[in-house]
N, C-alpha and C. Protein backbone atom coordinates (compact mmCIF):
# COMPACT_ATOMS: atom_id res chain seq x y z
N UNK A 1 0.34 -0.71 0.32
CA UNK A 1 0.04 0.44 -0.18
C UNK A 1 1.16 1.61 -0.44
N UNK A 2 0.61 2.07 -0.83
CA UNK A 2 1.25 3.01 -1.15
C UNK A 2 0.89 3.87 0.28
N UNK A 3 1.57 5.38 0.99
CA UNK A 3 1.86 6.54 1.43
C UNK A 3 0.36 6.96 0.88
N UNK A 4 -0.11 7.18 0.15
CA UNK A 4 -1.37 8.36 -0.09
C UNK A 4 -1.82 7.50 0.11
N UNK A 5 -2.41 6.32 -0.47
CA UNK A 5 -3.59 5.35 -0.13
C UNK A 5 -3.60 5.04 1.31
N UNK A 6 -2.51 4.85 2.10
CA UNK A 6 -2.61 4.44 3.88
C UNK A 6 -3.17 6.42 4.18
N UNK A 7 -3.16 7.47 3.90
CA UNK A 7 -3.06 8.80 4.32
C UNK A 7 -4.87 8.95 3.83
N UNK A 8 -5.08 8.33 3.08
CA UNK A 8 -6.82 8.22 2.88
C UNK A 8 -7.45 7.19 3.18
N UNK A 9 -6.81 6.48 3.46
CA UNK A 9 -7.58 5.56 4.43
C UNK A 9 -7.74 5.63 5.83
N UNK A 10 -6.54 6.44 6.39
CA UNK A 10 -6.50 6.31 7.38
C UNK A 10 -7.85 8.22 7.48
N UNK A 11 -7.62 9.06 6.34
CA UNK A 11 -8.56 10.01 6.54
C UNK A 11 -10.09 9.75 6.56
N UNK A 12 -9.92 8.50 6.03
CA UNK A 12 -12.07 8.03 5.78
C UNK A 12 -11.82 7.48 7.25
N UNK A 13 -11.11 6.75 7.61
CA UNK A 13 -12.17 5.74 8.97
C UNK A 13 -12.01 7.05 9.63
N UNK A 14 -11.33 8.22 10.04
CA UNK A 14 -10.90 9.55 11.12
C UNK A 14 -12.60 9.99 10.92
N UNK A 15 -12.46 10.22 9.97
CA UNK A 15 -14.03 11.10 8.99
C UNK A 15 -15.35 10.50 9.94
N UNK A 16 -15.00 9.31 9.44
CA UNK A 16 -16.62 8.00 9.64
C UNK A 16 -16.54 7.70 11.29
N UNK A 17 -15.08 7.95 12.15
CA UNK A 17 -15.28 7.61 13.47
C UNK A 17 -15.62 9.28 14.07
N UNK A 18 -15.48 10.56 13.63
CA UNK A 18 -16.10 11.72 13.80
C UNK A 18 -17.76 11.46 13.91
N UNK A 19 -17.63 11.53 12.36
CA UNK A 19 -19.59 11.37 12.05
C UNK A 19 -19.81 10.57 12.77
N UNK A 20 -19.99 9.16 13.29
CA UNK A 20 -20.21 8.02 14.30
C UNK A 20 -20.42 8.91 15.77
N UNK A 21 -19.50 9.80 16.53
CA UNK A 21 -19.61 10.11 17.53
C UNK A 21 -20.32 11.60 17.12
N UNK A 22 -20.46 12.32 16.20
CA UNK A 22 -20.65 13.62 16.12
C UNK A 22 -22.44 12.99 16.15
N UNK A 23 -22.62 11.78 15.16
CA UNK A 23 -24.59 11.22 15.40
C UNK A 23 -24.80 11.07 16.34
N UNK A 24 -23.98 10.04 17.58
CA UNK A 24 -23.79 10.27 18.88
C UNK A 24 -24.32 11.18 19.95
N UNK A 25 -23.75 12.05 19.29
CA UNK A 25 -23.91 13.43 20.15
C UNK A 25 -25.34 13.87 20.21
N UNK A 26 -25.47 14.12 18.67
CA UNK A 26 -27.11 15.06 18.57
C UNK A 26 -28.13 13.92 18.58
N UNK A 27 -28.07 12.52 18.67
CA UNK A 27 -29.29 12.04 18.19
C UNK A 27 -30.45 12.40 19.96
N UNK A 28 -29.61 12.41 21.27
CA UNK A 28 -30.68 12.70 21.84
C UNK A 28 -31.29 13.75 21.81
N UNK A 29 -30.32 14.92 20.95
CA UNK A 29 -31.26 16.30 21.08
C UNK A 29 -31.97 16.20 19.92
N UNK A 30 -32.18 15.59 19.28
CA UNK A 30 -33.00 15.32 18.05
C UNK A 30 -33.93 14.73 18.36
N UNK A 31 -34.09 13.35 19.16
CA UNK A 31 -34.91 12.72 19.42
C UNK A 31 -35.80 13.60 20.69
N UNK A 32 -35.15 14.52 21.63
CA UNK A 32 -35.69 15.21 22.82
C UNK A 32 -37.22 16.49 20.99
N UNK A 33 -36.15 16.97 20.48
CA UNK A 33 -36.91 18.06 19.50
C UNK A 33 -38.01 17.18 18.47
N UNK A 34 -37.89 15.98 18.76
CA UNK A 34 -39.12 15.38 18.30
C UNK A 34 -39.84 14.73 18.88
N UNK A 35 -40.08 14.56 20.35
CA UNK A 35 -40.58 14.43 21.56
C UNK A 35 -41.80 15.27 21.47
N UNK A 36 -40.70 16.63 21.79
CA UNK A 36 -41.51 18.16 22.13
C UNK A 36 -42.35 18.17 21.04
N UNK A 37 -41.99 18.00 19.66
CA UNK A 37 -43.01 18.88 18.50
C UNK A 37 -43.96 17.63 18.48
N UNK A 38 -43.44 16.34 18.77
CA UNK A 38 -44.93 15.59 18.99
C UNK A 38 -45.87 15.90 19.57
N UNK A 39 -45.49 16.00 21.18
CA UNK A 39 -46.79 16.43 22.29
C UNK A 39 -47.26 17.97 21.57
N UNK A 40 -46.52 18.74 21.29
CA UNK A 40 -47.51 19.78 20.95
C UNK A 40 -48.38 19.22 19.87
N UNK A 41 -48.06 18.87 18.94
CA UNK A 41 -49.02 17.90 18.03
C UNK A 41 -50.18 17.29 18.16
N UNK A 42 -50.22 16.44 19.20
CA UNK A 42 -51.01 15.75 19.93
C UNK A 42 -50.52 14.11 19.29
N UNK A 43 -50.00 13.80 18.76
CA UNK A 43 -49.25 12.83 17.68
C UNK A 43 -49.10 11.63 18.60
N UNK A 44 -50.10 10.95 19.04
CA UNK A 44 -49.87 9.62 19.90
C UNK A 44 -49.17 8.79 19.76
N UNK A 45 -49.49 8.55 17.84
CA UNK A 45 -48.28 7.40 17.83
C UNK A 45 -46.63 7.57 17.62
N UNK A 46 -46.26 8.41 17.27
CA UNK A 46 -44.78 9.37 17.70
C UNK A 46 -44.42 9.07 19.50
N UNK A 47 -45.82 9.83 20.18
CA UNK A 47 -45.47 9.49 21.62
C UNK A 47 -45.11 8.05 21.78
N UNK A 48 -46.03 7.28 21.74
CA UNK A 48 -45.82 6.16 21.90
C UNK A 48 -44.64 5.41 21.62
N UNK A 49 -43.73 6.17 20.70
CA UNK A 49 -42.52 5.37 19.86
C UNK A 49 -41.49 5.71 21.11
N UNK A 50 -41.77 7.42 21.51
CA UNK A 50 -40.97 8.04 22.12
C UNK A 50 -40.47 8.13 23.34
N UNK A 51 -42.19 7.36 24.48
CA UNK A 51 -42.13 7.63 25.48
C UNK A 51 -41.91 5.69 26.62
N UNK A 52 -41.38 5.24 27.11
CA UNK A 52 -41.58 4.29 27.94
C UNK A 52 -42.36 4.68 29.43
N UNK A 53 -43.66 4.79 28.92
CA UNK A 53 -45.23 4.94 29.80
C UNK A 53 -44.48 4.32 31.18
N UNK A 54 -44.18 3.16 30.85
CA UNK A 54 -44.48 2.67 32.47
C UNK A 54 -43.17 3.33 33.51
N UNK A 55 -42.01 3.63 32.52
CA UNK A 55 -40.38 4.33 33.44
C UNK A 55 -41.43 5.23 33.96
N UNK A 56 -41.75 6.12 32.59
CA UNK A 56 -42.35 7.44 33.60
C UNK A 56 -43.21 7.35 34.59
N UNK A 57 -44.01 6.09 34.38
CA UNK A 57 -45.36 6.89 35.68
C UNK A 57 -44.18 5.89 36.59
N UNK A 58 -43.32 4.98 37.23
CA UNK A 58 -43.12 4.35 38.29
C UNK A 58 -41.76 5.74 38.63
N UNK A 59 -41.05 6.34 37.82
CA UNK A 59 -40.37 7.40 38.50
C UNK A 59 -40.93 8.21 39.17
N UNK A 60 -42.51 8.62 38.35
CA UNK A 60 -43.10 9.75 38.71
C UNK A 60 -43.72 9.57 40.09
N UNK A 61 -44.50 8.25 40.51
CA UNK A 61 -44.28 7.55 41.84
C UNK A 61 -43.53 7.16 42.52
N UNK A 62 -42.04 7.47 42.05
CA UNK A 62 -40.97 7.41 43.45
C UNK A 62 -40.71 8.90 44.17
N UNK A 63 -40.95 9.54 42.95
CA UNK A 63 -40.77 10.97 43.09
C UNK A 63 -41.62 11.96 44.40
N UNK A 64 -43.22 11.31 44.20
CA UNK A 64 -44.16 12.17 44.58
C UNK A 64 -44.09 11.05 46.10
N UNK A 65 -43.41 9.75 46.36
CA UNK A 65 -44.00 9.35 47.87
C UNK A 65 -42.82 9.45 48.39
N UNK A 66 -41.25 9.92 47.44
CA UNK A 66 -40.08 10.41 48.45
C UNK A 66 -40.55 11.61 49.16
N UNK A 67 -41.39 12.48 47.84
CA UNK A 67 -41.82 14.33 48.97
C UNK A 67 -43.06 14.19 49.36
N UNK A 68 -43.55 12.62 49.80
CA UNK A 68 -44.63 12.65 50.95
C UNK A 68 -43.80 12.24 52.07
N UNK A 69 -43.12 11.15 51.73
CA UNK A 69 -42.22 10.95 53.09
C UNK A 69 -41.73 11.85 53.76
N UNK A 70 -40.98 12.84 52.84
CA UNK A 70 -39.96 14.38 53.18
C UNK A 70 -41.74 15.06 54.42
N UNK A 71 -42.70 15.43 53.37
CA UNK A 71 -43.70 15.79 54.02
C UNK A 71 -44.36 15.27 55.62
N UNK A 72 -44.34 14.51 56.33
CA UNK A 72 -44.50 13.57 56.97
C UNK A 72 -43.32 13.86 57.77
N UNK A 73 -42.51 13.53 57.39
CA UNK A 73 -41.43 13.51 58.49
C UNK A 73 -41.13 15.22 59.18
N UNK A 74 -41.08 15.87 58.23
CA UNK A 74 -40.70 17.34 58.76
C UNK A 74 -42.21 18.27 58.98
N UNK A 75 -43.27 17.81 59.26
CA UNK A 75 -44.36 17.94 59.98
C UNK A 75 -44.16 17.92 61.35
N UNK A 76 -44.12 18.60 62.28
CA UNK A 76 -43.90 18.60 63.52
C UNK A 76 -45.10 17.85 64.40
N UNK A 77 -46.60 18.11 63.66
CA UNK A 77 -47.66 17.23 64.56
C UNK A 77 -47.65 16.47 64.44
N UNK A 78 -47.13 15.77 63.01
CA UNK A 78 -47.34 14.26 62.63
C UNK A 78 -46.04 13.56 63.37
N UNK A 79 -44.81 14.34 63.62
CA UNK A 79 -44.09 13.16 64.45
C UNK A 79 -44.12 12.62 65.59
N UNK A 80 -45.30 12.57 66.39
CA UNK A 80 -45.26 12.20 67.65
C UNK A 80 -46.79 11.49 67.41
N UNK A 81 -47.71 11.78 66.31
CA UNK A 81 -48.77 11.12 66.25
C UNK A 81 -48.65 9.69 65.49
N UNK A 82 -49.03 8.36 66.29
CA UNK A 82 -48.79 7.22 66.44
C UNK A 82 -49.86 6.43 64.95
N UNK A 83 -50.60 7.23 64.46
CA UNK A 83 -51.24 7.13 63.46
C UNK A 83 -50.71 7.36 62.06
N UNK A 84 -49.71 8.23 62.65
CA UNK A 84 -49.38 9.11 61.16
C UNK A 84 -48.44 8.46 60.31
N UNK A 85 -47.79 7.41 60.42
CA UNK A 85 -46.73 6.06 59.81
C UNK A 85 -47.85 5.16 59.34
N UNK A 86 -49.28 4.76 59.60
CA UNK A 86 -50.53 4.20 58.79
C UNK A 86 -50.94 5.24 57.76
N UNK A 87 -50.95 6.24 58.01
CA UNK A 87 -51.44 7.34 57.51
C UNK A 87 -50.84 7.75 56.39
N UNK A 88 -49.59 7.24 56.23
CA UNK A 88 -48.33 7.34 55.58
C UNK A 88 -48.82 6.16 54.09
N UNK A 89 -49.02 5.53 55.02
CA UNK A 89 -48.82 3.94 54.64
C UNK A 89 -49.97 3.87 53.21
N UNK A 90 -50.91 4.01 54.15
CA UNK A 90 -52.45 4.60 53.06
C UNK A 90 -51.67 5.26 51.50
N UNK A 91 -50.96 6.83 52.39
CA UNK A 91 -51.20 7.98 51.00
C UNK A 91 -50.09 7.22 50.40
N UNK A 92 -49.63 5.73 50.26
CA UNK A 92 -48.12 5.86 49.39
C UNK A 92 -49.61 4.89 48.36
N UNK A 93 -50.49 3.71 48.93
CA UNK A 93 -51.41 3.60 47.93
C UNK A 93 -52.08 4.46 47.20
N UNK A 94 -52.37 5.53 47.33
CA UNK A 94 -53.26 6.70 47.33
C UNK A 94 -52.22 6.39 46.01
N UNK A 95 -50.90 7.35 45.99
CA UNK A 95 -50.02 7.51 45.21
C UNK A 95 -50.47 7.02 43.84
N UNK A 96 -49.48 5.36 43.96
CA UNK A 96 -49.87 4.86 43.03
C UNK A 96 -50.65 4.55 42.30
N UNK A 97 -51.93 4.55 42.67
CA UNK A 97 -53.13 4.35 41.75
C UNK A 97 -53.71 5.98 41.07
N UNK A 98 -53.29 7.09 42.10
CA UNK A 98 -53.55 8.01 41.35
C UNK A 98 -52.33 8.46 40.33
N UNK A 99 -50.91 7.90 40.12
CA UNK A 99 -50.82 8.33 39.32
C UNK A 99 -50.60 7.43 38.07
N UNK A 100 -51.09 6.40 38.43
CA UNK A 100 -51.59 4.77 37.16
C UNK A 100 -52.99 5.63 36.14
N UNK A 101 -54.07 6.56 37.10
CA UNK A 101 -55.12 7.34 36.62
C UNK A 101 -54.51 8.53 35.78
N UNK A 102 -53.84 9.42 36.78
CA UNK A 102 -53.11 10.69 35.90
C UNK A 102 -52.09 10.75 34.61
N UNK A 103 -51.28 10.10 34.60
CA UNK A 103 -49.95 9.62 33.66
C UNK A 103 -50.31 9.29 32.63
N UNK A 104 -51.68 9.67 32.05
CA UNK A 104 -52.00 8.79 30.62
C UNK A 104 -50.55 10.40 29.72
N UNK A 105 -50.95 9.35 28.74
CA UNK A 105 -50.55 9.37 27.48
C UNK A 105 -50.49 11.26 27.01
N UNK A 106 -51.85 11.29 27.29
CA UNK A 106 -52.38 12.95 26.93
C UNK A 106 -51.30 14.01 28.04
N UNK A 107 -51.66 13.65 29.07
CA UNK A 107 -51.14 14.57 30.84
C UNK A 107 -49.64 14.08 29.90
N UNK A 108 -49.04 13.41 30.02
CA UNK A 108 -47.36 13.45 29.73
C UNK A 108 -46.87 13.91 28.68
N UNK A 109 -47.65 14.26 27.60
CA UNK A 109 -47.71 14.87 26.54
C UNK A 109 -48.01 16.31 26.90
N UNK A 110 -48.39 17.18 27.60
CA UNK A 110 -49.26 18.36 27.55
C UNK A 110 -47.55 18.78 29.08
N UNK A 111 -47.10 17.79 29.55
CA UNK A 111 -46.00 18.53 30.65
C UNK A 111 -44.76 18.61 29.53
N UNK A 112 -44.54 17.79 28.36
CA UNK A 112 -43.42 17.85 27.62
C UNK A 112 -43.64 19.47 26.78
N UNK A 113 -44.72 19.34 26.23
CA UNK A 113 -44.98 20.12 25.70
C UNK A 113 -44.71 21.49 25.87
N UNK A 114 -45.40 21.83 27.26
CA UNK A 114 -45.02 23.48 28.02
C UNK A 114 -43.93 23.32 29.02
N UNK A 115 -42.82 22.43 29.43
CA UNK A 115 -42.29 22.20 29.97
C UNK A 115 -42.89 22.37 31.38
N UNK A 116 -43.21 22.26 31.67
CA UNK A 116 -44.03 22.66 33.11
C UNK A 116 -44.59 20.96 33.84
N UNK A 117 -44.34 21.13 35.56
CA UNK A 117 -45.05 20.05 35.40
C UNK A 117 -46.37 20.57 36.37
N UNK A 118 -47.31 19.91 36.32
CA UNK A 118 -48.73 20.09 36.41
C UNK A 118 -49.41 20.90 37.36
N UNK A 119 -49.66 22.08 37.60
CA UNK A 119 -50.38 23.07 38.51
C UNK A 119 -51.58 22.12 38.88
N UNK A 120 -52.84 21.95 38.28
CA UNK A 120 -53.84 21.15 38.68
C UNK A 120 -54.30 19.70 37.89
N UNK A 121 -54.91 18.88 39.22
CA UNK A 121 -55.42 18.03 38.21
C UNK A 121 -56.95 17.41 38.58
N UNK A 122 -57.65 17.29 37.38
CA UNK A 122 -59.13 17.10 37.93
C UNK A 122 -59.83 16.50 37.36
N UNK A 123 -61.01 15.34 37.96
CA UNK A 123 -61.39 14.54 37.17
C UNK A 123 -62.12 15.17 35.95
N UNK A 124 -62.75 14.62 34.88
CA UNK A 124 -63.37 15.12 34.18
C UNK A 124 -64.15 13.82 33.74
N UNK A 125 -65.29 13.95 32.95
CA UNK A 125 -65.38 13.34 32.50
C UNK A 125 -65.45 12.29 30.95
N UNK A 126 -63.90 13.06 30.32
CA UNK A 126 -63.04 12.16 29.48
C UNK A 126 -62.11 11.73 29.87
N UNK A 127 -61.78 11.57 31.30
CA UNK A 127 -60.68 10.95 32.24
C UNK A 127 -59.61 12.65 32.79
N UNK A 128 -58.88 12.09 33.58
CA UNK A 128 -58.44 13.41 33.92
C UNK A 128 -57.77 14.56 33.37
N UNK A 129 -58.35 15.78 33.70
CA UNK A 129 -57.78 17.01 33.19
C UNK A 129 -56.83 17.43 33.51
N UNK A 130 -55.62 17.66 33.31
CA UNK A 130 -53.92 18.02 33.45
C UNK A 130 -53.83 19.68 33.16
N UNK A 131 -53.94 20.75 34.34
CA UNK A 131 -53.53 21.69 33.67
C UNK A 131 -52.47 22.37 34.31
N UNK A 132 -51.49 23.17 33.20
CA UNK A 132 -49.94 23.16 33.30
C UNK A 132 -49.29 24.45 33.40
N UNK A 133 -50.82 24.98 32.78
CA UNK A 133 -50.49 26.30 32.82
C UNK A 133 -50.12 26.99 31.37
N UNK A 134 -49.44 28.34 31.25
CA UNK A 134 -49.23 28.54 29.82
C UNK A 134 -47.45 27.94 29.26
N UNK A 135 -47.93 27.17 28.31
CA UNK A 135 -46.11 27.01 27.92
C UNK A 135 -45.39 27.86 27.46
N UNK A 136 -44.28 28.01 28.47
CA UNK A 136 -42.42 29.04 28.82
C UNK A 136 -42.55 29.50 27.04
N UNK A 137 -42.39 30.14 27.16
CA UNK A 137 -41.61 31.14 26.11
C UNK A 137 -39.93 30.56 26.13
N UNK A 138 -39.86 30.57 24.73
CA UNK A 138 -37.94 30.01 24.76
C UNK A 138 -36.73 31.47 25.82
N UNK A 139 -37.84 32.38 25.09
CA UNK A 139 -37.05 33.25 25.84
C UNK A 139 -36.91 33.86 27.55
N UNK A 140 -37.92 33.06 27.65
CA UNK A 140 -38.01 32.73 29.36
C UNK A 140 -37.45 31.44 30.12
N UNK A 141 -36.78 30.49 28.92
CA UNK A 141 -36.66 29.13 29.45
C UNK A 141 -35.03 29.04 29.50
N UNK A 142 -34.54 28.39 30.68
CA UNK A 142 -33.68 28.75 30.95
C UNK A 142 -33.24 26.55 30.24
N UNK A 143 -33.08 26.64 29.28
CA UNK A 143 -32.42 24.64 28.85
C UNK A 143 -30.95 24.84 28.90
N UNK A 144 -30.54 23.60 29.65
CA UNK A 144 -29.86 22.48 29.65
C UNK A 144 -29.33 21.21 29.80
N UNK A 145 -28.87 20.73 28.43
CA UNK A 145 -28.86 19.78 28.15
C UNK A 145 -27.18 19.35 28.64
N UNK A 146 -27.51 17.88 28.58
CA UNK A 146 -26.07 17.02 29.06
C UNK A 146 -26.23 15.76 29.40
N UNK A 147 -25.61 14.79 29.14
CA UNK A 147 -25.18 13.51 29.08
C UNK A 147 -24.86 13.43 30.95
N UNK A 148 -25.71 11.66 31.32
CA UNK A 148 -25.64 11.72 32.84
C UNK A 148 -24.68 10.62 32.49
N UNK A 149 -25.10 9.74 31.69
CA UNK A 149 -23.93 8.66 31.81
C UNK A 149 -23.89 8.42 29.86
N UNK A 150 -23.21 7.65 29.41
CA UNK A 150 -23.31 7.09 27.86
C UNK A 150 -24.64 6.73 27.37
N UNK A 151 -25.60 5.80 28.30
CA UNK A 151 -27.39 5.55 28.04
C UNK A 151 -27.77 6.77 28.64
N UNK A 152 -27.35 7.59 29.42
CA UNK A 152 -28.77 8.89 30.04
C UNK A 152 -28.34 10.05 29.74
N UNK A 153 -29.38 10.93 29.20
CA UNK A 153 -29.33 12.37 28.33
C UNK A 153 -30.52 12.90 29.35
N UNK A 154 -30.27 14.30 29.98
CA UNK A 154 -30.89 15.34 30.60
C UNK A 154 -31.39 16.54 29.55
N UNK A 155 -32.41 17.16 30.20
CA UNK A 155 -32.48 18.45 29.26
C UNK A 155 -33.16 18.87 30.94
N UNK A 156 -33.14 20.13 31.23
CA UNK A 156 -33.57 20.34 32.50
C UNK A 156 -33.64 22.05 32.17
N UNK A 157 -35.69 22.04 32.11
CA UNK A 157 -36.34 23.40 31.62
C UNK A 157 -36.10 24.70 33.40
N UNK A 158 -35.39 25.69 33.10
CA UNK A 158 -36.14 26.96 34.05
C UNK A 158 -36.40 27.81 33.89
N UNK A 159 -37.23 28.14 34.72
CA UNK A 159 -38.15 29.92 34.16
C UNK A 159 -36.80 31.03 34.92
N UNK A 160 -36.05 31.91 34.15
CA UNK A 160 -35.15 32.67 34.04
C UNK A 160 -35.95 33.83 35.65
N UNK A 161 -37.32 33.83 34.68
CA UNK A 161 -37.55 34.60 35.73
C UNK A 161 -38.14 34.24 36.94
N UNK A 162 -38.14 32.87 37.37
CA UNK A 162 -38.08 33.00 38.92
C UNK A 162 -37.50 31.24 39.13
N UNK A 163 -35.85 31.85 39.28
CA UNK A 163 -34.96 30.67 39.38
C UNK A 163 -34.84 29.94 40.58
N UNK A 164 -36.31 30.31 41.40
CA UNK A 164 -36.36 29.78 43.28
C UNK A 164 -37.89 28.69 42.90
N UNK A 165 -37.90 28.71 41.75
CA UNK A 165 -39.27 28.00 41.28
C UNK A 165 -38.54 26.41 40.42
N UNK A 166 -38.76 25.48 40.85
CA UNK A 166 -37.94 23.97 40.99
C UNK A 166 -38.02 23.70 39.10
N UNK A 167 -37.45 23.18 39.18
CA UNK A 167 -36.67 22.96 37.41
C UNK A 167 -37.80 21.94 36.97
N UNK A 168 -37.70 21.56 36.41
CA UNK A 168 -38.39 20.48 35.44
C UNK A 168 -37.05 19.84 34.21
N UNK A 169 -37.64 18.28 34.63
CA UNK A 169 -36.74 17.97 33.83
C UNK A 169 -36.97 16.37 32.86
N UNK A 170 -36.05 16.00 32.17
CA UNK A 170 -36.71 15.25 31.05
C UNK A 170 -35.32 14.93 31.05
N UNK A 171 -35.62 12.98 31.76
CA UNK A 171 -34.11 12.41 31.32
C UNK A 171 -34.77 11.07 30.10
N UNK A 172 -33.83 11.07 29.11
CA UNK A 172 -34.28 9.47 27.64
C UNK A 172 -33.04 9.11 28.30
N UNK A 173 -33.32 7.57 27.65
CA UNK A 173 -32.76 6.76 27.93
C UNK A 173 -32.01 6.36 26.26
N UNK A 174 -31.02 5.55 26.61
CA UNK A 174 -30.29 5.07 24.63
C UNK A 174 -31.31 3.75 24.82
N UNK A 175 -31.84 3.51 23.74
CA UNK A 175 -32.83 2.36 23.26
C UNK A 175 -31.51 1.92 21.97
N UNK A 176 -31.26 0.90 21.68
CA UNK A 176 -29.87 0.80 20.35
C UNK A 176 -29.14 1.74 20.51
N UNK A 177 -28.38 2.09 19.65
CA UNK A 177 -27.29 3.02 18.97
C UNK A 177 -27.48 4.46 19.20
N UNK A 178 -28.85 4.92 18.32
CA UNK A 178 -28.49 6.24 17.95
C UNK A 178 -30.90 6.57 18.51
N UNK A 179 -31.23 5.99 18.83
CA UNK A 179 -32.50 5.54 19.84
C UNK A 179 -32.91 6.37 20.51
N UNK A 180 -33.52 7.06 21.24
CA UNK A 180 -33.76 7.47 22.95
C UNK A 180 -35.18 6.85 22.66
N UNK A 181 -35.52 6.83 24.08
CA UNK A 181 -36.78 7.56 24.79
C UNK A 181 -36.60 8.04 26.08
N UNK A 182 -38.02 8.62 26.72
CA UNK A 182 -38.29 9.39 27.62
C UNK A 182 -38.31 8.58 28.70
N UNK A 183 -37.94 8.30 29.67
CA UNK A 183 -37.70 7.06 30.68
C UNK A 183 -38.28 7.85 31.88
N UNK A 184 -37.92 9.35 32.23
CA UNK A 184 -38.36 10.03 33.34
C UNK A 184 -38.79 11.10 33.02
N UNK A 185 -39.62 12.11 33.77
CA UNK A 185 -39.87 13.17 34.32
C UNK A 185 -39.71 14.28 35.71
N UNK A 186 -38.96 14.78 35.49
CA UNK A 186 -38.28 15.06 37.25
C UNK A 186 -39.38 16.48 37.63
N UNK A 187 -40.00 16.50 38.55
CA UNK A 187 -40.89 16.93 38.99
C UNK A 187 -40.50 17.59 39.48
N UNK A 188 -39.31 17.66 40.87
CA UNK A 188 -38.66 18.11 41.94
C UNK A 188 -37.05 19.04 41.17
N UNK A 189 -36.48 19.87 41.68
CA UNK A 189 -35.79 20.26 41.90
C UNK A 189 -34.51 19.18 41.41
N UNK A 190 -33.79 19.35 40.32
CA UNK A 190 -32.25 18.83 40.11
C UNK A 190 -31.26 18.94 40.86
N UNK A 191 -30.88 17.92 41.08
CA UNK A 191 -30.10 17.60 41.91
C UNK A 191 -28.44 17.20 40.95
């Protein structure tokens, strides 16, 4: 093999590696954009491909249970109450049922589309109605992207005008080489 052929072969391999890395780095951002676009358009079929609904429900359950446990532990009236532990056990069961009932594809789509956690959830004849408020404008929203590890990518949304308001986060998990799915919605402040 001549020197020119080696240089061209090395250059082609280097270019292929750079293209592969660029595609890997860009793929979660493109998946997040596709997810947001599908949520805003109400494209249920596309949402079902881009969201792992059982994983999202499990993450919401664990977050709500942790928040409830903290609230029970920090309430001075409940600390000395012997029935508080029983009440906490009952509330944990209620959280499971509530999340299963209210974390519907439409509700999750609305949270993704508006970049906000629900402010109010109320039952209706057509199923639960989730109110998240008006969508944030891009200029009012600080968005941070980053890999948590090779298989997890997180986008965090925070209102610039309300820096003390909890951040809203979306975590995508890699499925295959370039395919990503939403597996977690963070309702609590990012840690």
